[in-house]
PDB file of N, CA and C in Angstrom:
ATOM      1  N   MET A   1      55.457  25.602 -22.672  1.00  0.00           N
ATOM      2  CA  MET A   1      55.532  24.396 -23.401  1.00  0.00           C
ATOM      3  C   MET A   1      55.555  23.252 -22.116  1.00  0.00           C
ATOM      4  N   SER A   2      56.518  23.537 -21.167  1.00  0.00           N
ATOM      5  CA  SER A   2      56.706  22.449 -20.188  1.00  0.00           C
ATOM      6  C   SER A   2      55.691  22.136 -19.212  1.00  0.00           C
ATOM      7  N   ARG A   3      54.822  23.242 -18.993  1.00  0.00           N
ATOM      8  CA  ARG A   3      53.561  23.129 -18.295  1.00  0.00           C
ATOM      9  C   ARG A   3      52.557  22.220 -19.116  1.00  0.00           C
ATOM     10  N   CYS A   4      52.474  22.271 -20.249  1.00  0.00           N
ATOM     11  CA  CYS A   4      51.653  21.462 -21.151  1.00  0.00           C
ATOM     12  C   CYS A   4      51.955  19.987 -21.066  1.00  0.00           C
ATOM     13  N   ILE A   5      53.281  19.841 -20.993  1.00  0.00           N
ATOM     14  CA  ILE A   5      53.907  18.494 -20.923  1.00  0.00           C
ATOM     15  C   ILE A   5      53.512  17.888 -19.609  1.00  0.00           C
ATOM     16  N   LEU A   6      53.726  18.843 -18.638  1.00  0.00           N
ATOM     17  CA  LEU A   6      53.426  18.241 -17.451  1.00  0.00           C
ATOM     18  C   LEU A   6      51.983  17.970 -17.076  1.00  0.00           C
ATOM     19  N   ALA A   7      51.122  18.626 -17.567  1.00  0.00           N
ATOM     20  CA  ALA A   7      49.631  18.404 -17.518  1.00  0.00           C
ATOM     21  C   ALA A   7      49.432  17.175 -18.337  1.00  0.00           C
ATOM     22  N   VAL A   8      49.624  17.035 -19.317  1.00  0.00           N
ATOM     23  CA  VAL A   8      49.425  15.823 -20.163  1.00  0.00           C
ATOM     24  C   VAL A   8      50.045  14.608 -19.392  1.00  0.00           C
ATOM     25  N   ALA A   9      51.277  14.624 -18.789  1.00  0.00           N
ATOM     26  CA  ALA A   9      51.784  13.557 -18.094  1.00  0.00           C
ATOM     27  C   ALA A   9      50.888  13.319 -16.882  1.00  0.00           C
ATOM     28  N   CYS A  10      50.438  14.367 -16.268  1.00  0.00           N
ATOM     29  CA  CYS A  10      49.536  14.005 -15.149  1.00  0.00           C
ATOM     30  C   CYS A  10      48.200  13.317 -15.412  1.00  0.00           C
ATOM     31  N   LEU A  11      47.637  13.816 -16.486  1.00  0.00           N
ATOM     32  CA  LEU A  11      46.390  13.090 -17.219  1.00  0.00           C
ATOM     33  C   LEU A  11      46.652  11.669 -17.371  1.00  0.00           C
ATOM     34  N   VAL A  12      47.782  11.428 -18.229  1.00  0.00           N
ATOM     35  CA  VAL A  12      48.048  10.024 -18.427  1.00  0.00           C
ATOM     36  C   VAL A  12      48.419   9.186 -17.243  1.00  0.00           C
ATOM     37  N   GLY A  13      49.027   9.890 -16.139  1.00  0.00           N
ATOM     38  CA  GLY A  13      49.098   9.107 -14.952  1.00  0.00           C
ATOM     39  C   GLY A  13      47.729   8.757 -14.266  1.00  0.00           C
ATOM     40  N   LEU A  14      46.953   9.633 -14.138  1.00  0.00           N
ATOM     41  CA  LEU A  14      45.666   9.508 -13.609  1.00  0.00           C
ATOM     42  C   LEU A  14      44.798   8.336 -14.445  1.00  0.00           C
ATOM     43  N   ALA A  15      44.926   8.366 -15.589  1.00  0.00           N
ATOM     44  CA  ALA A  15      44.365   7.405 -16.613  1.00  0.00           C
ATOM     45  C   ALA A  15      44.660   5.866 -16.066  1.00  0.00           C
ATOM     46  N   VAL A  16      46.061   5.830 -15.878  1.00  0.00           N
ATOM     47  CA  VAL A  16      46.625   4.598 -15.721  1.00  0.00           C
ATOM     48  C   VAL A  16      46.200   4.151 -14.346  1.00  0.00           C
ATOM     49  N   VAL A  17      46.409   4.971 -13.525  1.00  0.00           N
ATOM     50  CA  VAL A  17      45.888   4.634 -11.997  1.00  0.00           C
ATOM     51  C   VAL A  17      44.368   4.354 -12.092  1.00  0.00           C
ATOM     52  N   GLY A  18      43.555   5.043 -12.646  1.00  0.00           N
ATOM     53  CA  GLY A  18      42.127   4.883 -12.830  1.00  0.00           C
ATOM     54  C   GLY A  18      41.750   3.415 -13.426  1.00  0.00           C
ATOM     55  N   SER A  19      42.590   2.961 -14.541  1.00  0.00           N
ATOM     56  CA  SER A  19      42.360   1.772 -15.086  1.00  0.00           C
ATOM     57  C   SER A  19      42.848   0.671 -14.259  1.00  0.00           C
ATOM     58  N   ALA A  20      43.880   0.802 -13.510  1.00  0.00           N
ATOM     59  CA  ALA A  20      44.438  -0.262 -12.658  1.00  0.00           C
ATOM     60  C   ALA A  20      43.503  -0.335 -11.393  1.00  0.00           C
ATOM     61  N   TRP A  21      42.929   0.557 -10.973  1.00  0.00           N
ATOM     62  CA  TRP A  21      41.916   0.535  -9.867  1.00  0.00           C
ATOM     63  C   TRP A  21      40.739  -0.274 -10.156  1.00  0.00           C
ATOM     64  N   GLY A  22      40.277  -0.320 -11.565  1.00  0.00           N
ATOM     65  CA  GLY A  22      39.205  -1.051 -11.815  1.00  0.00           C
ATOM     66  C   GLY A  22      39.501  -2.684 -11.806  1.00  0.00           C
ATOM     67  N   ALA A  23      40.764  -2.899 -11.934  1.00  0.00           N
ATOM     68  CA  ALA A  23      41.215  -4.399 -12.077  1.00  0.00           C
ATOM     69  C   ALA A  23      41.516  -4.964 -10.624  1.00  0.00           C
ATOM     70  N   VAL A  24      41.269  -4.141  -9.600  1.00  0.00           N
ATOM     71  CA  VAL A  24      41.479  -4.821  -8.286  1.00  0.00           C
ATOM     72  C   VAL A  24      40.479  -5.872  -7.944  1.00  0.00           C
ATOM     73  N   PRO A  25      40.875  -7.042  -7.521  1.00  0.00           N
ATOM     74  CA  PRO A  25      39.865  -8.146  -7.291  1.00  0.00           C
ATOM     75  C   PRO A  25      39.159  -7.882  -6.014  1.00  0.00           C
ATOM     76  N   ALA A  26      37.745  -8.205  -6.069  1.00  0.00           N
ATOM     77  CA  ALA A  26      36.999  -8.080  -4.940  1.00  0.00           C
ATOM     78  C   ALA A  26      37.434  -9.077  -3.988  1.00  0.00           C
ATOM     79  N   VAL A  27      38.026 -10.125  -4.008  1.00  0.00           N
ATOM     80  CA  VAL A  27      38.531 -11.123  -3.025  1.00  0.00           C
ATOM     81  C   VAL A  27      39.613 -11.677  -3.424  1.00  0.00           C
ATOM     82  N   VAL A  28      40.619 -11.824  -2.498  1.00  0.00           N
ATOM     83  CA  VAL A  28      41.897 -12.357  -2.553  1.00  0.00           C
ATOM     84  C   VAL A  28      42.029 -13.435  -1.485  1.00  0.00           C
ATOM     85  N   LEU A  29      42.458 -14.712  -1.941  1.00  0.00           N
ATOM     86  CA  LEU A  29      42.646 -15.925  -1.095  1.00  0.00           C
ATOM     87  C   LEU A  29      43.981 -16.368  -1.314  1.00  0.00           C
ATOM     88  N   LYS A  30      44.465 -16.998  -0.314  1.00  0.00           N
ATOM     89  CA  LYS A  30      45.783 -17.513  -0.207  1.00  0.00           C
ATOM     90  C   LYS A  30      45.566 -19.190  -0.262  1.00  0.00           C
ATOM     91  N   VAL A  31      46.461 -19.976  -0.889  1.00  0.00           N
ATOM     92  CA  VAL A  31      46.514 -21.300  -1.028  1.00  0.00           C
ATOM     93  C   VAL A  31      46.007 -21.994   0.307  1.00  0.00           C
ATOM     94  N   GLY A  32      45.111 -22.730   0.370  1.00  0.00           N
ATOM     95  CA  GLY A  32      44.605 -23.437   1.497  1.00  0.00           C
ATOM     96  C   GLY A  32      43.430 -22.725   2.108  1.00  0.00           C
ATOM     97  N   GLN A  33      42.984 -21.730   1.454  1.00  0.00           N
ATOM     98  CA  GLN A  33      41.630 -20.994   2.107  1.00  0.00           C
ATOM     99  C   GLN A  33      40.597 -21.493   1.255  1.00  0.00           C
ATOM    100  N   SER A  34      39.382 -21.749   1.924  1.00  0.00           N
ATOM    101  CA  SER A  34      38.074 -21.970   1.394  1.00  0.00           C
ATOM    102  C   SER A  34      37.056 -21.084   2.149  1.00  0.00           C
ATOM    103  N   ARG A  35      36.381 -20.312   1.456  1.00  0.00           N
ATOM    104  CA  ARG A  35      35.607 -19.383   2.134  1.00  0.00           C
ATOM    105  C   ARG A  35      34.311 -19.162   1.344  1.00  0.00           C
ATOM    106  N   SER A  36      33.261 -18.783   2.236  1.00  0.00           N
ATOM    107  CA  SER A  36      31.901 -18.616   1.599  1.00  0.00           C
ATOM    108  C   SER A  36      31.671 -17.106   1.680  1.00  0.00           C
ATOM    109  N   PHE A  37      30.902 -16.455   0.686  1.00  0.00           N
ATOM    110  CA  PHE A  37      30.630 -15.018   0.615  1.00  0.00           C
ATOM    111  C   PHE A  37      28.992 -14.822   0.482  1.00  0.00           C
ATOM    112  N   THR A  38      28.671 -13.724   1.025  1.00  0.00           N
ATOM    113  CA  THR A  38      27.228 -13.605   0.885  1.00  0.00           C
ATOM    114  C   THR A  38      27.137 -12.776  -0.513  1.00  0.00           C
ATOM    115  N   ALA A  39      25.790 -12.600  -1.054  1.00  0.00           N
ATOM    116  CA  ALA A  39      25.652 -11.912  -2.279  1.00  0.00           C
ATOM    117  C   ALA A  39      25.868 -10.501  -2.111  1.00  0.00           C
ATOM    118  N   ALA A  40      25.909  -9.977  -1.058  1.00  0.00           N
ATOM    119  CA  ALA A  40      26.236  -8.513  -0.712  1.00  0.00           C
ATOM    120  C   ALA A  40      27.768  -8.283  -0.793  1.00  0.00           C
ATOM    121  N   ARG A  41      28.537  -9.462  -0.365  1.00  0.00           N
ATOM    122  CA  ARG A  41      29.921  -9.248  -0.295  1.00  0.00           C
ATOM    123  C   ARG A  41      30.601  -9.347  -1.724  1.00  0.00           C
ATOM    124  N   LEU A  42      29.907 -10.580  -2.518  1.00  0.00           N
ATOM    125  CA  LEU A  42      30.546 -10.722  -3.898  1.00  0.00           C
ATOM    126  C   LEU A  42      29.460 -10.715  -4.921  1.00  0.00           C
ATOM    127  N   ALA A  43      29.510 -10.098  -5.987  1.00  0.00           N
ATOM    128  CA  ALA A  43      28.550 -10.069  -6.835  1.00  0.00           C
ATOM    129  C   ALA A  43      28.922 -10.689  -8.145  1.00  0.00           C
ATOM    130  N   PRO A  44      28.053 -11.037  -9.128  1.00  0.00           N
ATOM    131  CA  PRO A  44      28.442 -11.786 -10.344  1.00  0.00           C
ATOM    132  C   PRO A  44      29.374 -10.864 -11.167  1.00  0.00           C
ATOM    133  N   GLY A  45      30.286 -11.419 -11.734  1.00  0.00           N
ATOM    134  CA  GLY A  45      31.229 -10.703 -12.526  1.00  0.00           C
ATOM    135  C   GLY A  45      32.468 -10.162 -11.758  1.00  0.00           C
ATOM    136  N   GLU A  46      32.459 -10.114 -10.554  1.00  0.00           N
ATOM    137  CA  GLU A  46      33.388  -9.738  -9.738  1.00  0.00           C
ATOM    138  C   GLU A  46      34.617 -10.533  -9.757  1.00  0.00           C
ATOM    139  N   LYS A  47      35.993 -10.100  -9.687  1.00  0.00           N
ATOM    140  CA  LYS A  47      37.176 -10.887  -9.632  1.00  0.00           C
ATOM    141  C   LYS A  47      37.322 -11.521  -8.371  1.00  0.00           C
ATOM    142  N   VAL A  48      37.781 -12.847  -8.483  1.00  0.00           N
ATOM    143  CA  VAL A  48      38.256 -13.428  -7.257  1.00  0.00           C
ATOM    144  C   VAL A  48      39.656 -14.159  -7.649  1.00  0.00           C
ATOM    145  N   SER A  49      40.690 -13.744  -6.718  1.00  0.00           N
ATOM    146  CA  SER A  49      42.057 -14.211  -6.968  1.00  0.00           C
ATOM    147  C   SER A  49      42.551 -15.223  -6.052  1.00  0.00           C
ATOM    148  N   CYS A  50      43.532 -15.931  -6.342  1.00  0.00           N
ATOM    149  CA  CYS A  50      44.188 -16.974  -5.550  1.00  0.00           C
ATOM    150  C   CYS A  50      45.638 -16.661  -5.578  1.00  0.00           C
ATOM    151  N   VAL A  51      46.383 -16.662  -4.538  1.00  0.00           N
ATOM    152  CA  VAL A  51      47.771 -16.283  -4.517  1.00  0.00           C
ATOM    153  C   VAL A  51      48.688 -17.434  -3.934  1.00  0.00           C
ATOM    154  N   ASN A  52      49.784 -17.848  -4.679  1.00  0.00           N
ATOM    155  CA  ASN A  52      50.626 -18.877  -4.047  1.00  0.00           C
ATOM    156  C   ASN A  52      52.196 -18.423  -4.564  1.00  0.00           C
ATOM    157  N   HIS A  53      52.773 -18.164  -3.719  1.00  0.00           N
ATOM    158  CA  HIS A  53      54.253 -17.724  -3.794  1.00  0.00           C
ATOM    159  C   HIS A  53      54.492 -16.748  -4.907  1.00  0.00           C
ATOM    160  N   GLY A  54      53.617 -15.654  -5.156  1.00  0.00           N
ATOM    161  CA  GLY A  54      53.801 -14.671  -6.234  1.00  0.00           C
ATOM    162  C   GLY A  54      53.109 -15.156  -7.401  1.00  0.00           C
ATOM    163  N   HIS A  55      52.464 -16.287  -7.557  1.00  0.00           N
ATOM    164  CA  HIS A  55      51.638 -16.599  -8.715  1.00  0.00           C
ATOM    165  C   HIS A  55      50.335 -16.176  -8.489  1.00  0.00           C
ATOM    166  N   VAL A  56      49.460 -15.746  -9.348  1.00  0.00           N
ATOM    167  CA  VAL A  56      48.106 -15.255  -9.060  1.00  0.00           C
ATOM    168  C   VAL A  56      47.176 -15.913 -10.148  1.00  0.00           C
ATOM    169  N   LEU A  57      46.122 -16.593  -9.856  1.00  0.00           N
ATOM    170  CA  LEU A  57      45.110 -17.087 -10.520  1.00  0.00           C
ATOM    171  C   LEU A  57      43.734 -16.125 -10.307  1.00  0.00           C
ATOM    172  N   SER A  58      43.133 -15.694 -11.311  1.00  0.00           N
ATOM    173  CA  SER A  58      41.875 -14.905 -11.155  1.00  0.00           C
ATOM    174  C   SER A  58      40.669 -15.392 -12.120  1.00  0.00           C
ATOM    175  N   VAL A  59      39.588 -15.396 -11.573  1.00  0.00           N
ATOM    176  CA  VAL A  59      38.199 -15.805 -12.274  1.00  0.00           C
ATOM    177  C   VAL A  59      37.203 -14.822 -11.949  1.00  0.00           C
ATOM    178  N   ASP A  60      36.117 -14.662 -12.704  1.00  0.00           N
ATOM    179  CA  ASP A  60      34.918 -13.923 -12.355  1.00  0.00           C
ATOM    180  C   ASP A  60      34.112 -14.753 -11.572  1.00  0.00           C
ATOM    181  N   ALA A  61      33.475 -14.237 -10.687  1.00  0.00           N
ATOM    182  CA  ALA A  61      32.338 -14.814  -9.893  1.00  0.00           C
ATOM    183  C   ALA A  61      31.166 -15.184 -10.998  1.00  0.00           C
ATOM    184  N   PRO A  62      30.602 -16.287 -11.030  1.00  0.00           N
ATOM    185  CA  PRO A  62      29.770 -16.687 -11.966  1.00  0.00           C
ATOM    186  C   PRO A  62      28.255 -16.127 -11.641  1.00  0.00           C
ATOM    187  N   ALA A  63      27.399 -15.860 -12.669  1.00  0.00           N
ATOM    188  CA  ALA A  63      26.159 -15.451 -12.583  1.00  0.00           C
ATOM    189  C   ALA A  63      25.078 -16.375 -12.425  1.00  0.00           C
ATOM    190  N   SER A  64      25.312 -17.531 -12.231  1.00  0.00           N
ATOM    191  CA  SER A  64      24.157 -18.635 -12.133  1.00  0.00           C
ATOM    192  C   SER A  64      24.833 -19.768 -11.337  1.00  0.00           C
ATOM    193  N   PRO A  65      23.980 -20.243 -10.497  1.00  0.00           N
ATOM    194  CA  PRO A  65      24.422 -21.425  -9.796  1.00  0.00           C
ATOM    195  C   PRO A  65      24.579 -22.857 -10.769  1.00  0.00           C
ATOM    196  N   ALA A  66      24.071 -22.683 -12.005  1.00  0.00           N
ATOM    197  CA  ALA A  66      24.263 -23.600 -12.859  1.00  0.00           C
ATOM    198  C   ALA A  66      25.807 -23.647 -13.557  1.00  0.00           C
ATOM    199  N   ILE A  67      26.491 -22.622 -13.111  1.00  0.00           N
ATOM    200  CA  ILE A  67      27.899 -22.467 -13.709  1.00  0.00           C
ATOM    201  C   ILE A  67      28.753 -22.372 -12.570  1.00  0.00           C
ATOM    202  N   SER A  68      30.044 -22.711 -12.628  1.00  0.00           N
ATOM    203  CA  SER A  68      31.203 -22.473 -11.690  1.00  0.00           C
ATOM    204  C   SER A  68      32.240 -22.121 -12.631  1.00  0.00           C
ATOM    205  N   ASN A  69      33.208 -21.466 -12.056  1.00  0.00           N
ATOM    206  CA  ASN A  69      34.285 -20.914 -12.775  1.00  0.00           C
ATOM    207  C   ASN A  69      35.583 -21.422 -11.965  1.00  0.00           C
ATOM    208  N   GLY A  70      36.550 -21.652 -12.635  1.00  0.00           N
ATOM    209  CA  GLY A  70      37.680 -22.269 -12.010  1.00  0.00           C
ATOM    210  C   GLY A  70      39.070 -22.195 -13.144  1.00  0.00           C
ATOM    211  N   THR A  71      40.147 -22.468 -12.361  1.00  0.00           N
ATOM    212  CA  THR A  71      41.387 -22.400 -13.279  1.00  0.00           C
ATOM    213  C   THR A  71      42.402 -23.246 -12.543  1.00  0.00           C
ATOM    214  N   VAL A  72      43.669 -23.725 -13.045  1.00  0.00           N
ATOM    215  CA  VAL A  72      44.524 -24.254 -12.373  1.00  0.00           C
ATOM    216  C   VAL A  72      45.934 -23.879 -12.868  1.00  0.00           C
ATOM    217  N   TRP A  73      46.864 -23.556 -12.005  1.00  0.00           N
ATOM    218  CA  TRP A  73      48.142 -23.076 -12.342  1.00  0.00           C
ATOM    219  C   TRP A  73      48.865 -24.306 -12.769  1.00  0.00           C
ATOM    220  N   THR A  74      49.511 -24.452 -13.885  1.00  0.00           N
ATOM    221  CA  THR A  74      50.082 -25.684 -14.462  1.00  0.00           C
ATOM    222  C   THR A  74      51.438 -25.359 -14.967  1.00  0.00           C
ATOM    223  N   GLN A  75      52.032 -24.138 -14.867  1.00  0.00           N
ATOM    224  CA  GLN A  75      53.212 -23.734 -15.299  1.00  0.00           C
ATOM    225  C   GLN A  75      54.373 -24.851 -14.935  1.00  0.00           C
ATOM    226  N   PRO A  76      55.294 -25.065 -15.678  1.00  0.00           N
ATOM    227  CA  PRO A  76      56.357 -25.882 -15.318  1.00  0.00           C
ATOM    228  C   PRO A  76      57.327 -25.427 -14.274  1.00  0.00           C
ATOM    229  N   GLY A  77      57.791 -26.235 -13.591  1.00  0.00           N
ATOM    230  CA  GLY A  77      58.726 -25.720 -12.259  1.00  0.00           C
ATOM    231  C   GLY A  77      57.974 -24.966 -11.318  1.00  0.00           C
ATOM    232  N   ALA A  78      56.740 -24.965 -11.273  1.00  0.00           N
ATOM    233  CA  ALA A  78      55.993 -24.192 -10.182  1.00  0.00           C
ATOM    234  C   ALA A  78      55.039 -25.247  -9.465  1.00  0.00           C
ATOM    235  N   THR A  79      54.559 -25.013  -8.480  1.00  0.00           N
ATOM    236  CA  THR A  79      53.657 -25.855  -7.569  1.00  0.00           C
ATOM    237  C   THR A  79      52.249 -25.644  -8.377  1.00  0.00           C
ATOM    238  N   HIS A  80      51.547 -26.828  -8.714  1.00  0.00           N
ATOM    239  CA  HIS A  80      50.163 -26.511  -9.213  1.00  0.00           C
ATOM    240  C   HIS A  80      49.237 -26.073  -8.133  1.00  0.00           C
ATOM    241  N   PHE A  81      48.374 -25.195  -8.335  1.00  0.00           N
ATOM    242  CA  PHE A  81      47.374 -25.020  -7.273  1.00  0.00           C
ATOM    243  C   PHE A  81      46.160 -24.401  -8.229  1.00  0.00           C
ATOM    244  N   HIS A  82      44.915 -24.398  -7.480  1.00  0.00           N
ATOM    245  CA  HIS A  82      43.723 -24.101  -8.295  1.00  0.00           C
ATOM    246  C   HIS A  82      42.886 -23.094  -7.570  1.00  0.00           C
ATOM    247  N   LEU A  83      41.957 -22.542  -8.272  1.00  0.00           N
ATOM    248  CA  LEU A  83      40.952 -21.610  -7.803  1.00  0.00           C
ATOM    249  C   LEU A  83      39.742 -22.073  -8.317  1.00  0.00           C
ATOM    250  N   HIS A  84      38.445 -22.196  -7.435  1.00  0.00           N
ATOM    251  CA  HIS A  84      37.194 -22.612  -7.976  1.00  0.00           C
ATOM    252  C   HIS A  84      36.309 -21.727  -7.190  1.00  0.00           C
ATOM    253  N   VAL A  85      35.305 -21.241  -8.052  1.00  0.00           N
ATOM    254  CA  VAL A  85      34.323 -20.369  -7.423  1.00  0.00           C
ATOM    255  C   VAL A  85      33.007 -20.985  -7.917  1.00  0.00           C
ATOM    256  N   THR A  86      31.875 -21.096  -7.000  1.00  0.00           N
ATOM    257  CA  THR A  86      30.607 -21.598  -7.242  1.00  0.00           C
ATOM    258  C   THR A  86      29.773 -20.676  -6.797  1.00  0.00           C
ATOM    259  N   ALA A  87      28.610 -20.460  -7.513  1.00  0.00           N
ATOM    260  CA  ALA A  87      27.437 -19.785  -6.978  1.00  0.00           C
ATOM    261  C   ALA A  87      26.669 -20.566  -6.194  1.00  0.00           C
ATOM    262  N   LYS A  88      26.039 -20.234  -4.966  1.00  0.00           N
ATOM    263  CA  LYS A  88      25.127 -21.018  -4.224  1.00  0.00           C
ATOM    264  C   LYS A  88      23.556 -20.696  -4.720  1.00  0.00           C
ATOM    265  N   ILE A  89      22.839 -21.828  -4.561  1.00  0.00           N
ATOM    266  CA  ILE A  89      21.492 -21.655  -5.046  1.00  0.00           C
ATOM    267  C   ILE A  89      20.702 -20.691  -4.187  1.00  0.00           C
ATOM    268  N   ALA A  90      20.916 -20.497  -2.960  1.00  0.00           N
ATOM    269  CA  ALA A  90      20.341 -19.463  -2.029  1.00  0.00           C
ATOM    270  C   ALA A  90      20.857 -18.074  -2.208  1.00  0.00           C
ATOM    271  N   GLY A  91      21.993 -18.035  -3.059  1.00  0.00           N
ATOM    272  CA  GLY A  91      22.681 -16.757  -3.104  1.00  0.00           C
ATOM    273  C   GLY A  91      23.863 -16.720  -2.451  1.00  0.00           C
ATOM    274  N   GLY A  92      24.905 -15.956  -2.992  1.00  0.00           N
ATOM    275  CA  GLY A  92      26.319 -15.898  -2.474  1.00  0.00           C
ATOM    276  C   GLY A  92      27.211 -16.844  -3.071  1.00  0.00           C
ATOM    277  N   TYR A  93      28.368 -17.238  -2.745  1.00  0.00           N
ATOM    278  CA  TYR A  93      29.306 -17.959  -3.452  1.00  0.00           C
ATOM    279  C   TYR A  93      30.145 -18.750  -2.324  1.00  0.00           C
ATOM    280  N   THR A  94      30.896 -19.710  -2.921  1.00  0.00           N
ATOM    281  CA  THR A  94      31.944 -20.460  -2.173  1.00  0.00           C
ATOM    282  C   THR A  94      33.024 -20.496  -3.062  1.00  0.00           C
ATOM    283  N   ALA A  95      34.326 -20.192  -2.452  1.00  0.00           N
ATOM    284  CA  ALA A  95      35.508 -20.001  -3.175  1.00  0.00           C
ATOM    285  C   ALA A  95      36.419 -20.879  -2.532  1.00  0.00           C
ATOM    286  N   ASP A  96      37.179 -21.708  -3.452  1.00  0.00           N
ATOM    287  CA  ASP A  96      38.250 -22.575  -2.797  1.00  0.00           C
ATOM    288  C   ASP A  96      39.461 -22.331  -3.585  1.00  0.00           C
ATOM    289  N   CYS A  97      40.537 -22.227  -2.807  1.00  0.00           N
ATOM    290  CA  CYS A  97      41.909 -21.896  -3.322  1.00  0.00           C
ATOM    291  C   CYS A  97      42.849 -22.941  -2.852  1.00  0.00           C
ATOM    292  N   GLY A  98      43.475 -23.882  -3.409  1.00  0.00           N
ATOM    293  CA  GLY A  98      44.273 -24.883  -2.949  1.00  0.00           C
ATOM    294  C   GLY A  98      45.233 -25.612  -3.808  1.00  0.00           C
ATOM    295  N   LEU A  99      46.080 -26.232  -3.287  1.00  0.00           N
ATOM    296  CA  LEU A  99      47.181 -27.172  -4.058  1.00  0.00           C
ATOM    297  C   LEU A  99      46.633 -27.999  -4.732  1.00  0.00           C
ATOM    298  N   GLY A 100      47.169 -28.301  -6.128  1.00  0.00           N
ATOM    299  CA  GLY A 100      46.704 -29.312  -7.016  1.00  0.00           C
ATOM    300  C   GLY A 100      45.618 -28.949  -7.847  1.00  0.00           C
ATOM    301  N   GLY A 101      44.833 -30.043  -8.266  1.00  0.00           N
ATOM    302  CA  GLY A 101      43.693 -29.721  -9.160  1.00  0.00           C
ATOM    303  C   GLY A 101      42.397 -29.536  -8.281  1.00  0.00           C
ATOM    304  N   PHE A 102      41.363 -29.506  -9.016  1.00  0.00           N
ATOM    305  CA  PHE A 102      39.903 -29.229  -8.330  1.00  0.00           C
ATOM    306  C   PHE A 102      39.595 -30.454  -7.533  1.00  0.00           C
ATOM    307  N   HIS A 103      38.743 -30.386  -6.684  1.00  0.00           N
ATOM    308  CA  HIS A 103      38.263 -31.412  -5.728  1.00  0.00           C
ATOM    309  C   HIS A 103      36.902 -31.809  -6.400  1.00  0.00           C
ATOM    310  N   TRP A 104      36.867 -32.760  -7.214  1.00  0.00           N
ATOM    311  CA  TRP A 104      35.633 -33.150  -7.849  1.00  0.00           C
ATOM    312  C   TRP A 104      34.748 -33.856  -6.982  1.00  0.00           C
ATOM    313  N   LYS A 105      33.392 -33.829  -6.969  1.00  0.00           N
ATOM    314  CA  LYS A 105      32.718 -34.754  -6.204  1.00  0.00           C
ATOM    315  C   LYS A 105      32.491 -36.198  -6.834  1.00  0.00           C
ATOM    316  N   THR A 106      32.674 -37.231  -6.042  1.00  0.00           N
ATOM    317  CA  THR A 106      32.609 -38.536  -6.713  1.00  0.00           C
ATOM    318  C   THR A 106      31.338 -38.954  -6.982  1.00  0.00           C
ATOM    319  N   ALA A 107      31.191 -39.721  -8.106  1.00  0.00           N
ATOM    320  CA  ALA A 107      29.675 -40.275  -8.471  1.00  0.00           C
ATOM    321  C   ALA A 107      29.358 -41.411  -7.674  1.00  0.00           C
ATOM    322  N   THR A 108      28.176 -41.401  -7.178  1.00  0.00           N
ATOM    323  CA  THR A 108      27.782 -42.508  -6.513  1.00  0.00           C
ATOM    324  C   THR A 108      26.733 -43.438  -7.420  1.00  0.00           C
ATOM    325  N   ALA A 109      26.581 -44.804  -7.027  1.00  0.00           N
ATOM    326  CA  ALA A 109      25.773 -45.650  -7.984  1.00  0.00           C
ATOM    327  C   ALA A 109      24.540 -45.040  -8.243  1.00  0.00           C
ATOM    328  N   SER A 110      23.789 -44.483  -7.487  1.00  0.00           N
ATOM    329  CA  SER A 110      22.571 -43.692  -7.691  1.00  0.00           C
ATOM    330  C   SER A 110      22.529 -42.635  -8.815  1.00  0.00           C
ATOM    331  N   THR A 111      23.695 -42.047  -9.182  1.00  0.00           N
ATOM    332  CA  THR A 111      23.798 -40.998 -10.005  1.00  0.00           C
ATOM    333  C   THR A 111      24.367 -41.352 -11.473  1.00  0.00           C
ATOM    334  N   ARG A 112      24.710 -42.582 -11.615  1.00  0.00           N
ATOM    335  CA  ARG A 112      25.207 -43.218 -12.782  1.00  0.00           C
ATOM    336  C   ARG A 112      24.043 -43.278 -13.829  1.00  0.00           C
ATOM    337  N   PRO A 113      24.297 -42.874 -14.968  1.00  0.00           N
ATOM    338  CA  PRO A 113      23.163 -43.248 -16.136  1.00  0.00           C
ATOM    339  C   PRO A 113      22.929 -44.684 -16.337  1.00  0.00           C
ATOM    340  N   ASP A 114      21.735 -45.086 -16.630  1.00  0.00           N
ATOM    341  CA  ASP A 114      21.327 -46.392 -16.870  1.00  0.00           C
ATOM    342  C   ASP A 114      21.802 -46.583 -18.297  1.00  0.00           C
ATOM    343  N   GLY A 115      22.467 -47.849 -18.744  1.00  0.00           N
ATOM    344  CA  GLY A 115      23.033 -48.066 -19.873  1.00  0.00           C
ATOM    345  C   GLY A 115      23.874 -49.238 -19.770  1.00  0.00           C
ATOM    346  N   PRO A 116      24.438 -49.793 -20.910  1.00  0.00           N
ATOM    347  CA  PRO A 116      25.296 -51.052 -20.780  1.00  0.00           C
ATOM    348  C   PRO A 116      26.627 -50.692 -20.096  1.00  0.00           C
ATOM    349  N   THR A 117      27.019 -51.568 -19.495  1.00  0.00           N
ATOM    350  CA  THR A 117      28.216 -51.354 -18.780  1.00  0.00           C
ATOM    351  C   THR A 117      29.374 -52.018 -19.414  1.00  0.00           C
ATOM    352  N   HIS A 118      29.201 -52.517 -20.722  1.00  0.00           N
ATOM    353  CA  HIS A 118      30.573 -52.980 -21.317  1.00  0.00           C
ATOM    354  C   HIS A 118      30.783 -52.084 -22.487  1.00  0.00           C
ATOM    355  N   SER A 119      31.968 -52.237 -23.088  1.00  0.00           N
ATOM    356  CA  SER A 119      32.507 -51.384 -24.066  1.00  0.00           C
ATOM    357  C   SER A 119      32.286 -52.141 -25.426  1.00  0.00           C
ATOM    358  N   TYR A 120      31.844 -51.280 -26.214  1.00  0.00           N
ATOM    359  CA  TYR A 120      31.708 -51.594 -27.471  1.00  0.00           C
ATOM    360  C   TYR A 120      32.960 -51.832 -28.351  1.00  0.00           C
ATOM    361  N   LEU A 121      34.145 -51.257 -27.800  1.00  0.00           N
ATOM    362  CA  LEU A 121      35.414 -51.489 -28.349  1.00  0.00           C
ATOM    363  C   LEU A 121      36.192 -52.636 -27.943  1.00  0.00           C
ATOM    364  N   ALA A 122      35.831 -53.257 -26.920  1.00  0.00           N
ATOM    365  CA  ALA A 122      36.518 -54.494 -26.362  1.00  0.00           C
ATOM    366  C   ALA A 122      36.168 -55.539 -27.289  1.00  0.00           C
ATOM    367  N   ILE A 123      37.180 -56.197 -27.609  1.00  0.00           N
ATOM    368  CA  ILE A 123      37.089 -57.519 -28.380  1.00  0.00           C
ATOM    369  C   ILE A 123      37.069 -58.834 -27.589  1.00  0.00           C
TER     370      ILE A 123
END
């Protein structure tokens, strides 16, 4: 009977280790790192993680250059940090792990839509 229990415990342990192995991120960055990856190094759907003082953010690498994935750590009492992963048009990825929110590109006058510049809600 004890051998049967030992065998079942070993199988359960192997299953747990196997499932945890699949959750290992392909890339781990620390706050302050920005890196580029080739398509051979990082594939669509693979996990990218960002670490800051024991806190971890994770996102999947996007499948298309038209999409980017990102998230921000906003828990009270902790420093806010972000992870942003973008697919390059020529293949590969760029990942940014840093303090604060995302670094948005600013709009220029040539990229603004044509239309009225006044607000209809203003009196």
